PDB file of all heavy atoms in Angstrom:
ATOM      1  N   MET A   1     -21.343 -51.475 -23.077  1.00  0.00           N
ATOM      2  CA  MET A   1     -21.205 -51.735 -21.637  1.00  0.00           C
ATOM      3  C   MET A   1     -20.055 -52.707 -21.356  1.00  0.00           C
ATOM      4  O   MET A   1     -19.311 -52.534 -20.361  1.00  0.00           O
ATOM      5  CB  MET A   1     -22.516 -52.287 -21.068  1.00  0.00           C
ATOM      6  CG  MET A   1     -23.631 -51.266 -20.961  1.00  0.00           C
ATOM      7  SD  MET A   1     -25.033 -51.863 -20.012  1.00  0.00           S
ATOM      8  CE  MET A   1     -24.312 -51.948 -18.373  1.00  0.00           C
ATOM      9  N   VAL A   2     -19.878 -53.699 -22.217  1.00  0.00           N
ATOM     10  CA  VAL A   2     -18.755 -54.601 -22.057  1.00  0.00           C
ATOM     11  C   VAL A   2     -17.437 -53.854 -22.214  1.00  0.00           C
ATOM     12  O   VAL A   2     -16.473 -54.065 -21.458  1.00  0.00           O
ATOM     13  CB  VAL A   2     -18.860 -55.766 -23.046  1.00  0.00           C
ATOM     14  CG1 VAL A   2     -17.591 -56.633 -23.011  1.00  0.00           C
ATOM     15  CG2 VAL A   2     -20.070 -56.631 -22.737  1.00  0.00           C
ATOM     16  N   GLY A   3     -17.382 -52.959 -23.223  1.00  0.00           N
ATOM     17  CA  GLY A   3     -16.160 -52.174 -23.380  1.00  0.00           C
ATOM     18  C   GLY A   3     -15.912 -51.264 -22.211  1.00  0.00           C
ATOM     19  O   GLY A   3     -14.750 -51.095 -21.778  1.00  0.00           O
ATOM     20  N   SER A   4     -16.953 -50.635 -21.668  1.00  0.00           N
ATOM     21  CA  SER A   4     -16.802 -49.787 -20.495  1.00  0.00           C
ATOM     22  C   SER A   4     -16.368 -50.611 -19.284  1.00  0.00           C
ATOM     23  O   SER A   4     -15.542 -50.166 -18.482  1.00  0.00           O
ATOM     24  CB  SER A   4     -18.111 -49.069 -20.208  1.00  0.00           C
ATOM     25  OG  SER A   4     -17.999 -48.223 -19.092  1.00  0.00           O
ATOM     26  N   LEU A   5     -16.910 -51.811 -19.162  1.00  0.00           N
ATOM     27  CA  LEU A   5     -16.510 -52.714 -18.061  1.00  0.00           C
ATOM     28  C   LEU A   5     -15.036 -53.047 -18.141  1.00  0.00           C
ATOM     29  O   LEU A   5     -14.310 -53.029 -17.142  1.00  0.00           O
ATOM     30  CB  LEU A   5     -17.351 -53.980 -18.105  1.00  0.00           C
ATOM     31  CG  LEU A   5     -16.936 -55.136 -17.186  1.00  0.00           C
ATOM     32  CD1 LEU A   5     -17.136 -54.732 -15.731  1.00  0.00           C
ATOM     33  CD2 LEU A   5     -17.739 -56.388 -17.511  1.00  0.00           C
ATOM     34  N   SER A   6     -14.564 -53.382 -19.350  1.00  0.00           N
ATOM     35  CA  SER A   6     -13.149 -53.752 -19.500  1.00  0.00           C
ATOM     36  C   SER A   6     -12.228 -52.581 -19.175  1.00  0.00           C
ATOM     37  O   SER A   6     -11.195 -52.753 -18.527  1.00  0.00           O
ATOM     38  CB  SER A   6     -12.911 -54.232 -20.929  1.00  0.00           C
ATOM     39  OG  SER A   6     -13.103 -53.196 -21.866  1.00  0.00           O
ATOM     40  N   THR A   7     -12.616 -51.378 -19.590  1.00  0.00           N
ATOM     41  CA  THR A   7     -11.784 -50.212 -19.316  1.00  0.00           C
ATOM     42  C   THR A   7     -11.757 -49.889 -17.828  1.00  0.00           C
ATOM     43  O   THR A   7     -10.704 -49.574 -17.252  1.00  0.00           O
ATOM     44  CB  THR A   7     -12.291 -48.993 -20.094  1.00  0.00           C
ATOM     45  OG1 THR A   7     -12.396 -49.327 -21.491  1.00  0.00           O
ATOM     46  CG2 THR A   7     -11.363 -47.801 -19.940  1.00  0.00           C
ATOM     47  N   ALA A   8     -12.917 -49.959 -17.167  1.00  0.00           N
ATOM     48  CA  ALA A   8     -12.985 -49.656 -15.747  1.00  0.00           C
ATOM     49  C   ALA A   8     -12.201 -50.673 -14.927  1.00  0.00           C
ATOM     50  O   ALA A   8     -11.481 -50.319 -13.981  1.00  0.00           O
ATOM     51  CB  ALA A   8     -14.439 -49.619 -15.297  1.00  0.00           C
ATOM     52  N   CYS A   9     -12.319 -51.941 -15.267  1.00  0.00           N
ATOM     53  CA  CYS A   9     -11.603 -52.987 -14.540  1.00  0.00           C
ATOM     54  C   CYS A   9     -10.087 -52.844 -14.732  1.00  0.00           C
ATOM     55  O   CYS A   9      -9.326 -52.990 -13.798  1.00  0.00           O
ATOM     56  CB  CYS A   9     -12.076 -54.366 -14.990  1.00  0.00           C
ATOM     57  SG  CYS A   9     -11.340 -55.751 -14.105  1.00  0.00           S
ATOM     58  N   ALA A  10      -9.655 -52.544 -15.984  1.00  0.00           N
ATOM     59  CA  ALA A  10      -8.236 -52.347 -16.229  1.00  0.00           C
ATOM     60  C   ALA A  10      -7.719 -51.139 -15.462  1.00  0.00           C
ATOM     61  O   ALA A  10      -6.588 -51.148 -14.976  1.00  0.00           O
ATOM     62  CB  ALA A  10      -8.001 -52.169 -17.715  1.00  0.00           C
ATOM     63  N   ASP A  11      -8.540 -50.117 -15.328  1.00  0.00           N
ATOM     64  CA  ASP A  11      -8.159 -48.934 -14.551  1.00  0.00           C
ATOM     65  C   ASP A  11      -7.915 -49.294 -13.090  1.00  0.00           C
ATOM     66  O   ASP A  11      -6.928 -48.852 -12.479  1.00  0.00           O
ATOM     67  CB  ASP A  11      -9.237 -47.862 -14.676  1.00  0.00           C
ATOM     68  CG  ASP A  11      -8.896 -46.624 -13.862  1.00  0.00           C
ATOM     69  OD1 ASP A  11      -8.025 -45.863 -14.294  1.00  0.00           O
ATOM     70  OD2 ASP A  11      -9.531 -46.437 -12.782  1.00  0.00           O
ATOM     71  N   VAL A  12      -8.777 -50.100 -12.514  1.00  0.00           N
ATOM     72  CA  VAL A  12      -8.629 -50.512 -11.118  1.00  0.00           C
ATOM     73  C   VAL A  12      -7.366 -51.385 -10.941  1.00  0.00           C
ATOM     74  O   VAL A  12      -6.599 -51.182  -9.971  1.00  0.00           O
ATOM     75  CB  VAL A  12      -9.871 -51.286 -10.652  1.00  0.00           C
ATOM     76  CG1 VAL A  12      -9.646 -51.886  -9.274  1.00  0.00           C
ATOM     77  CG2 VAL A  12     -11.103 -50.373 -10.625  1.00  0.00           C
ATOM     78  N   VAL A  13      -7.139 -52.294 -11.864  1.00  0.00           N
ATOM     79  CA  VAL A  13      -5.966 -53.165 -11.769  1.00  0.00           C
ATOM     80  C   VAL A  13      -4.687 -52.339 -11.902  1.00  0.00           C
ATOM     81  O   VAL A  13      -3.696 -52.555 -11.183  1.00  0.00           O
ATOM     82  CB  VAL A  13      -6.024 -54.272 -12.820  1.00  0.00           C
ATOM     83  CG1 VAL A  13      -4.733 -55.095 -12.817  1.00  0.00           C
ATOM     84  CG2 VAL A  13      -7.230 -55.176 -12.570  1.00  0.00           C
ATOM     85  N   ALA A  14      -4.696 -51.370 -12.824  1.00  0.00           N
ATOM     86  CA  ALA A  14      -3.503 -50.523 -12.977  1.00  0.00           C
ATOM     87  C   ALA A  14      -3.265 -49.697 -11.726  1.00  0.00           C
ATOM     88  O   ALA A  14      -2.108 -49.509 -11.306  1.00  0.00           O
ATOM     89  CB  ALA A  14      -3.699 -49.605 -14.198  1.00  0.00           C
ATOM     90  N   ASP A  15      -4.333 -49.179 -11.121  1.00  0.00           N
ATOM     91  CA  ASP A  15      -4.172 -48.446  -9.856  1.00  0.00           C
ATOM     92  C   ASP A  15      -3.603 -49.341  -8.761  1.00  0.00           C
ATOM     93  O   ASP A  15      -2.797 -48.886  -7.933  1.00  0.00           O
ATOM     94  CB  ASP A  15      -5.524 -47.865  -9.415  1.00  0.00           C
ATOM     95  CG  ASP A  15      -5.974 -46.714 -10.289  1.00  0.00           C
ATOM     96  OD1 ASP A  15      -5.139 -46.140 -10.991  1.00  0.00           O
ATOM     97  OD2 ASP A  15      -7.199 -46.421 -10.271  1.00  0.00           O
ATOM     98  N   SER A  16      -4.017 -50.596  -8.744  1.00  0.00           N
ATOM     99  CA  SER A  16      -3.502 -51.541  -7.743  1.00  0.00           C
ATOM    100  C   SER A  16      -2.003 -51.769  -7.945  1.00  0.00           C
ATOM    101  O   SER A  16      -1.240 -51.858  -6.969  1.00  0.00           O
ATOM    102  CB  SER A  16      -4.257 -52.868  -7.825  1.00  0.00           C
ATOM    103  OG  SER A  16      -5.632 -52.701  -7.619  1.00  0.00           O
ATOM    104  N   ILE A  17      -1.586 -51.853  -9.206  1.00  0.00           N
ATOM    105  CA  ILE A  17      -0.150 -52.036  -9.482  1.00  0.00           C
ATOM    106  C   ILE A  17       0.631 -50.813  -9.026  1.00  0.00           C
ATOM    107  O   ILE A  17       1.721 -50.912  -8.487  1.00  0.00           O
ATOM    108  CB  ILE A  17       0.061 -52.309 -10.986  1.00  0.00           C
ATOM    109  CG1 ILE A  17      -0.621 -53.650 -11.371  1.00  0.00           C
ATOM    110  CG2 ILE A  17       1.526 -52.377 -11.327  1.00  0.00           C
ATOM    111  CD1 ILE A  17      -0.560 -53.934 -12.863  1.00  0.00           C
ATOM    112  N   VAL A  18       0.078 -49.629  -9.264  1.00  0.00           N
ATOM    113  CA  VAL A  18       0.740 -48.404  -8.834  1.00  0.00           C
ATOM    114  C   VAL A  18       0.895 -48.388  -7.312  1.00  0.00           C
ATOM    115  O   VAL A  18       1.954 -47.998  -6.785  1.00  0.00           O
ATOM    116  CB  VAL A  18      -0.065 -47.168  -9.317  1.00  0.00           C
ATOM    117  CG1 VAL A  18       0.494 -45.886  -8.679  1.00  0.00           C
ATOM    118  CG2 VAL A  18      -0.016 -47.048 -10.828  1.00  0.00           C
ATOM    119  N   VAL A  19      -0.143 -48.805  -6.595  1.00  0.00           N
ATOM    120  CA  VAL A  19      -0.077 -48.847  -5.125  1.00  0.00           C
ATOM    121  C   VAL A  19       0.999 -49.810  -4.673  1.00  0.00           C
ATOM    122  O   VAL A  19       1.783 -49.533  -3.748  1.00  0.00           O
ATOM    123  CB  VAL A  19      -1.449 -49.212  -4.549  1.00  0.00           C
ATOM    124  CG1 VAL A  19      -1.342 -49.460  -3.047  1.00  0.00           C
ATOM    125  CG2 VAL A  19      -2.471 -48.113  -4.822  1.00  0.00           C
ATOM    126  N   GLU A  20       1.057 -50.991  -5.307  1.00  0.00           N
ATOM    127  CA  GLU A  20       2.047 -51.985  -4.903  1.00  0.00           C
ATOM    128  C   GLU A  20       3.473 -51.488  -5.181  1.00  0.00           C
ATOM    129  O   GLU A  20       4.390 -51.715  -4.387  1.00  0.00           O
ATOM    130  CB  GLU A  20       1.788 -53.287  -5.657  1.00  0.00           C
ATOM    131  CG  GLU A  20       0.526 -54.006  -5.221  1.00  0.00           C
ATOM    132  CD  GLU A  20       0.280 -55.268  -6.023  1.00  0.00           C
ATOM    133  OE1 GLU A  20       1.045 -55.533  -6.947  1.00  0.00           O
ATOM    134  OE2 GLU A  20      -0.703 -55.990  -5.715  1.00  0.00           O
ATOM    135  N   LEU A  21       3.676 -50.821  -6.315  1.00  0.00           N
ATOM    136  CA  LEU A  21       5.005 -50.309  -6.623  1.00  0.00           C
ATOM    137  C   LEU A  21       5.395 -49.150  -5.725  1.00  0.00           C
ATOM    138  O   LEU A  21       6.582 -48.951  -5.437  1.00  0.00           O
ATOM    139  CB  LEU A  21       5.056 -49.859  -8.099  1.00  0.00           C
ATOM    140  CG  LEU A  21       4.943 -50.953  -9.140  1.00  0.00           C
ATOM    141  CD1 LEU A  21       4.943 -50.358 -10.546  1.00  0.00           C
ATOM    142  CD2 LEU A  21       6.071 -51.971  -9.014  1.00  0.00           C
ATOM    143  N   SER A  22       4.410 -48.403  -5.245  1.00  0.00           N
ATOM    144  CA  SER A  22       4.712 -47.251  -4.382  1.00  0.00           C
ATOM    145  C   SER A  22       4.913 -47.620  -2.935  1.00  0.00           C
ATOM    146  O   SER A  22       5.426 -46.806  -2.144  1.00  0.00           O
ATOM    147  CB  SER A  22       3.543 -46.233  -4.482  1.00  0.00           C
ATOM    148  OG  SER A  22       3.328 -45.810  -5.809  1.00  0.00           O
ATOM    149  N   ARG A  23       4.500 -48.819  -2.551  1.00  0.00           N
ATOM    150  CA  ARG A  23       4.584 -49.218  -1.133  1.00  0.00           C
ATOM    151  C   ARG A  23       6.038 -49.346  -0.703  1.00  0.00           C
ATOM    152  O   ARG A  23       6.855 -50.024  -1.319  1.00  0.00           O
ATOM    153  CB  ARG A  23       3.866 -50.554  -0.956  1.00  0.00           C
ATOM    154  CG  ARG A  23       3.698 -51.009   0.499  1.00  0.00           C
ATOM    155  CD  ARG A  23       2.866 -52.250   0.531  1.00  0.00           C
ATOM    156  NE  ARG A  23       1.552 -52.022  -0.051  1.00  0.00           N
ATOM    157  CZ  ARG A  23       0.766 -53.020  -0.463  1.00  0.00           C
ATOM    158  NH1 ARG A  23       1.158 -54.273  -0.359  1.00  0.00           N
ATOM    159  NH2 ARG A  23      -0.420 -52.742  -0.998  1.00  0.00           N
ATOM    160  N   GLY A  24       6.374 -48.624   0.377  1.00  0.00           N
ATOM    161  CA  GLY A  24       7.724 -48.688   0.912  1.00  0.00           C
ATOM    162  C   GLY A  24       8.730 -47.855   0.159  1.00  0.00           C
ATOM    163  O   GLY A  24       9.919 -47.905   0.471  1.00  0.00           O
ATOM    164  N   ARG A  25       8.291 -47.101  -0.839  1.00  0.00           N
ATOM    165  CA  ARG A  25       9.200 -46.243  -1.600  1.00  0.00           C
ATOM    166  C   ARG A  25       9.115 -44.804  -1.113  1.00  0.00           C
ATOM    167  O   ARG A  25       8.116 -44.428  -0.502  1.00  0.00           O
ATOM    168  CB  ARG A  25       8.860 -46.310  -3.091  1.00  0.00           C
ATOM    169  CG  ARG A  25       8.961 -47.690  -3.705  1.00  0.00           C
ATOM    170  CD  ARG A  25      10.418 -48.115  -3.845  1.00  0.00           C
ATOM    171  NE  ARG A  25      10.550 -49.423  -4.455  1.00  0.00           N
ATOM    172  CZ  ARG A  25      10.631 -49.621  -5.768  1.00  0.00           C
ATOM    173  NH1 ARG A  25      10.586 -48.583  -6.571  1.00  0.00           N
ATOM    174  NH2 ARG A  25      10.772 -50.837  -6.264  1.00  0.00           N
ATOM    175  N   PRO A  26      10.108 -44.001  -1.376  1.00  0.00           N
ATOM    176  CA  PRO A  26      10.048 -42.576  -1.024  1.00  0.00           C
ATOM    177  C   PRO A  26       8.876 -41.867  -1.729  1.00  0.00           C
ATOM    178  O   PRO A  26       8.425 -42.327  -2.787  1.00  0.00           O
ATOM    179  CB  PRO A  26      11.406 -42.017  -1.469  1.00  0.00           C
ATOM    180  CG  PRO A  26      12.308 -43.209  -1.484  1.00  0.00           C
ATOM    181  CD  PRO A  26      11.450 -44.368  -1.891  1.00  0.00           C
ATOM    182  N   GLN A  27       8.486 -40.779  -1.173  1.00  0.00           N
ATOM    183  CA  GLN A  27       7.350 -40.034  -1.725  1.00  0.00           C
ATOM    184  C   GLN A  27       7.644 -39.528  -3.135  1.00  0.00           C
ATOM    185  O   GLN A  27       6.732 -39.446  -3.975  1.00  0.00           O
ATOM    186  CB  GLN A  27       6.990 -38.875  -0.806  1.00  0.00           C
ATOM    187  CG  GLN A  27       5.708 -38.125  -1.213  1.00  0.00           C
ATOM    188  CD  GLN A  27       5.332 -37.069  -0.218  1.00  0.00           C
ATOM    189  OE1 GLN A  27       6.028 -36.872   0.767  1.00  0.00           O
ATOM    190  NE2 GLN A  27       4.232 -36.374  -0.460  1.00  0.00           N
ATOM    191  N   SER A  28       8.880 -39.208  -3.417  1.00  0.00           N
ATOM    192  CA  SER A  28       9.247 -38.727  -4.734  1.00  0.00           C
ATOM    193  C   SER A  28       9.027 -39.786  -5.807  1.00  0.00           C
ATOM    194  O   SER A  28       8.553 -39.492  -6.919  1.00  0.00           O
ATOM    195  CB  SER A  28      10.712 -38.275  -4.748  1.00  0.00           C
ATOM    196  OG  SER A  28      11.568 -39.359  -4.390  1.00  0.00           O
ATOM    197  N   GLU A  29       9.327 -41.059  -5.487  1.00  0.00           N
ATOM    198  CA  GLU A  29       9.106 -42.140  -6.462  1.00  0.00           C
ATOM    199  C   GLU A  29       7.622 -42.387  -6.659  1.00  0.00           C
ATOM    200  O   GLU A  29       7.181 -42.633  -7.792  1.00  0.00           O
ATOM    201  CB  GLU A  29       9.803 -43.397  -5.986  1.00  0.00           C
ATOM    202  CG  GLU A  29      11.309 -43.290  -5.933  1.00  0.00           C
ATOM    203  CD  GLU A  29      11.964 -44.564  -5.532  1.00  0.00           C
ATOM    204  OE1 GLU A  29      11.322 -45.631  -5.652  1.00  0.00           O
ATOM    205  OE2 GLU A  29      13.112 -44.531  -5.057  1.00  0.00           O
ATOM    206  N   ALA A  30       6.831 -42.344  -5.596  1.00  0.00           N
ATOM    207  CA  ALA A  30       5.387 -42.505  -5.744  1.00  0.00           C
ATOM    208  C   ALA A  30       4.806 -41.383  -6.614  1.00  0.00           C
ATOM    209  O   ALA A  30       3.932 -41.616  -7.453  1.00  0.00           O
ATOM    210  CB  ALA A  30       4.712 -42.515  -4.394  1.00  0.00           C
ATOM    211  N   GLY A  31       5.304 -40.176  -6.422  1.00  0.00           N
ATOM    212  CA  GLY A  31       4.842 -39.075  -7.264  1.00  0.00           C
ATOM    213  C   GLY A  31       5.242 -39.261  -8.722  1.00  0.00           C
ATOM    214  O   GLY A  31       4.489 -38.877  -9.631  1.00  0.00           O
ATOM    215  N   SER A  32       6.384 -39.890  -8.959  1.00  0.00           N
ATOM    216  CA  SER A  32       6.820 -40.141 -10.347  1.00  0.00           C
ATOM    217  C   SER A  32       5.860 -41.128 -11.027  1.00  0.00           C
ATOM    218  O   SER A  32       5.571 -40.995 -12.213  1.00  0.00           O
ATOM    219  CB  SER A  32       8.254 -40.690 -10.360  1.00  0.00           C
ATOM    220  OG  SER A  32       9.138 -39.763  -9.808  1.00  0.00           O
ATOM    221  N   LEU A  33       5.404 -42.128 -10.277  1.00  0.00           N
ATOM    222  CA  LEU A  33       4.447 -43.084 -10.866  1.00  0.00           C
ATOM    223  C   LEU A  33       3.151 -42.404 -11.211  1.00  0.00           C
ATOM    224  O   LEU A  33       2.552 -42.650 -12.279  1.00  0.00           O
ATOM    225  CB  LEU A  33       4.217 -44.230  -9.877  1.00  0.00           C
ATOM    226  CG  LEU A  33       5.383 -45.185  -9.675  1.00  0.00           C
ATOM    227  CD1 LEU A  33       5.064 -46.193  -8.551  1.00  0.00           C
ATOM    228  CD2 LEU A  33       5.682 -45.940 -10.960  1.00  0.00           C
ATOM    229  N   GLN A  34       2.668 -41.521 -10.329  1.00  0.00           N
ATOM    230  CA  GLN A  34       1.437 -40.801 -10.640  1.00  0.00           C
ATOM    231  C   GLN A  34       1.637 -39.881 -11.845  1.00  0.00           C
ATOM    232  O   GLN A  34       0.732 -39.736 -12.667  1.00  0.00           O
ATOM    233  CB  GLN A  34       1.024 -39.968  -9.415  1.00  0.00           C
ATOM    234  CG  GLN A  34       0.491 -40.792  -8.248  1.00  0.00           C
ATOM    235  CD  GLN A  34      -0.794 -41.515  -8.590  1.00  0.00           C
ATOM    236  OE1 GLN A  34      -1.620 -41.007  -9.340  1.00  0.00           O
ATOM    237  NE2 GLN A  34      -0.979 -42.699  -8.036  1.00  0.00           N
ATOM    238  N   SER A  35       2.791 -39.302 -11.949  1.00  0.00           N
ATOM    239  CA  SER A  35       3.093 -38.442 -13.116  1.00  0.00           C
ATOM    240  C   SER A  35       3.077 -39.265 -14.385  1.00  0.00           C
ATOM    241  O   SER A  35       2.602 -38.799 -15.442  1.00  0.00           O
ATOM    242  CB  SER A  35       4.442 -37.782 -12.923  1.00  0.00           C
ATOM    243  OG  SER A  35       4.441 -36.949 -11.787  1.00  0.00           O
ATOM    244  N   LEU A  36       3.601 -40.482 -14.319  1.00  0.00           N
ATOM    245  CA  LEU A  36       3.573 -41.370 -15.490  1.00  0.00           C
ATOM    246  C   LEU A  36       2.145 -41.681 -15.924  1.00  0.00           C
ATOM    247  O   LEU A  36       1.829 -41.662 -17.123  1.00  0.00           O
ATOM    248  CB  LEU A  36       4.309 -42.675 -15.166  1.00  0.00           C
ATOM    249  CG  LEU A  36       4.293 -43.754 -16.242  1.00  0.00           C
ATOM    250  CD1 LEU A  36       5.038 -43.280 -17.482  1.00  0.00           C
ATOM    251  CD2 LEU A  36       4.924 -45.043 -15.704  1.00  0.00           C
ATOM    252  N   CYS A  37       1.277 -41.937 -14.945  1.00  0.00           N
ATOM    253  CA  CYS A  37      -0.136 -42.226 -15.265  1.00  0.00           C
ATOM    254  C   CYS A  37      -0.802 -41.035 -15.941  1.00  0.00           C
ATOM    255  O   CYS A  37      -1.451 -41.181 -17.002  1.00  0.00           O
ATOM    256  CB  CYS A  37      -0.884 -42.609 -13.992  1.00  0.00           C
ATOM    257  SG  CYS A  37      -0.251 -44.073 -13.149  1.00  0.00           S
ATOM    258  N   TRP A  38      -0.680 -39.862 -15.339  1.00  0.00           N
ATOM    259  CA  TRP A  38      -1.346 -38.695 -15.899  1.00  0.00           C
ATOM    260  C   TRP A  38      -0.723 -38.273 -17.232  1.00  0.00           C
ATOM    261  O   TRP A  38      -1.437 -37.752 -18.110  1.00  0.00           O
ATOM    262  CB  TRP A  38      -1.285 -37.562 -14.880  1.00  0.00           C
ATOM    263  CG  TRP A  38      -2.251 -37.739 -13.761  1.00  0.00           C
ATOM    264  CD1 TRP A  38      -1.958 -38.083 -12.489  1.00  0.00           C
ATOM    265  CD2 TRP A  38      -3.667 -37.623 -13.808  1.00  0.00           C
ATOM    266  NE1 TRP A  38      -3.092 -38.180 -11.722  1.00  0.00           N
ATOM    267  CE2 TRP A  38      -4.175 -37.898 -12.520  1.00  0.00           C
ATOM    268  CE3 TRP A  38      -4.568 -37.312 -14.814  1.00  0.00           C
ATOM    269  CZ2 TRP A  38      -5.511 -37.876 -12.209  1.00  0.00           C
ATOM    270  CZ3 TRP A  38      -5.934 -37.287 -14.515  1.00  0.00           C
ATOM    271  CH2 TRP A  38      -6.381 -37.556 -13.224  1.00  0.00           C
ATOM    272  N   ALA A  39       0.566 -38.482 -17.381  1.00  0.00           N
ATOM    273  CA  ALA A  39       1.195 -38.149 -18.659  1.00  0.00           C
ATOM    274  C   ALA A  39       0.672 -39.061 -19.776  1.00  0.00           C
ATOM    275  O   ALA A  39       0.438 -38.606 -20.909  1.00  0.00           O
ATOM    276  CB  ALA A  39       2.715 -38.285 -18.544  1.00  0.00           C
TER     277      ALA A  39
END
């Protein structure tokens, strides 16, 4: 459960970083960040 907690929390923080980097950028750049995550 501790390991699952750490992974879930890191996932949320990483998503927050993606949102911050995508803010104010063109849609193509935001899509590139999502592609990086899924890749």
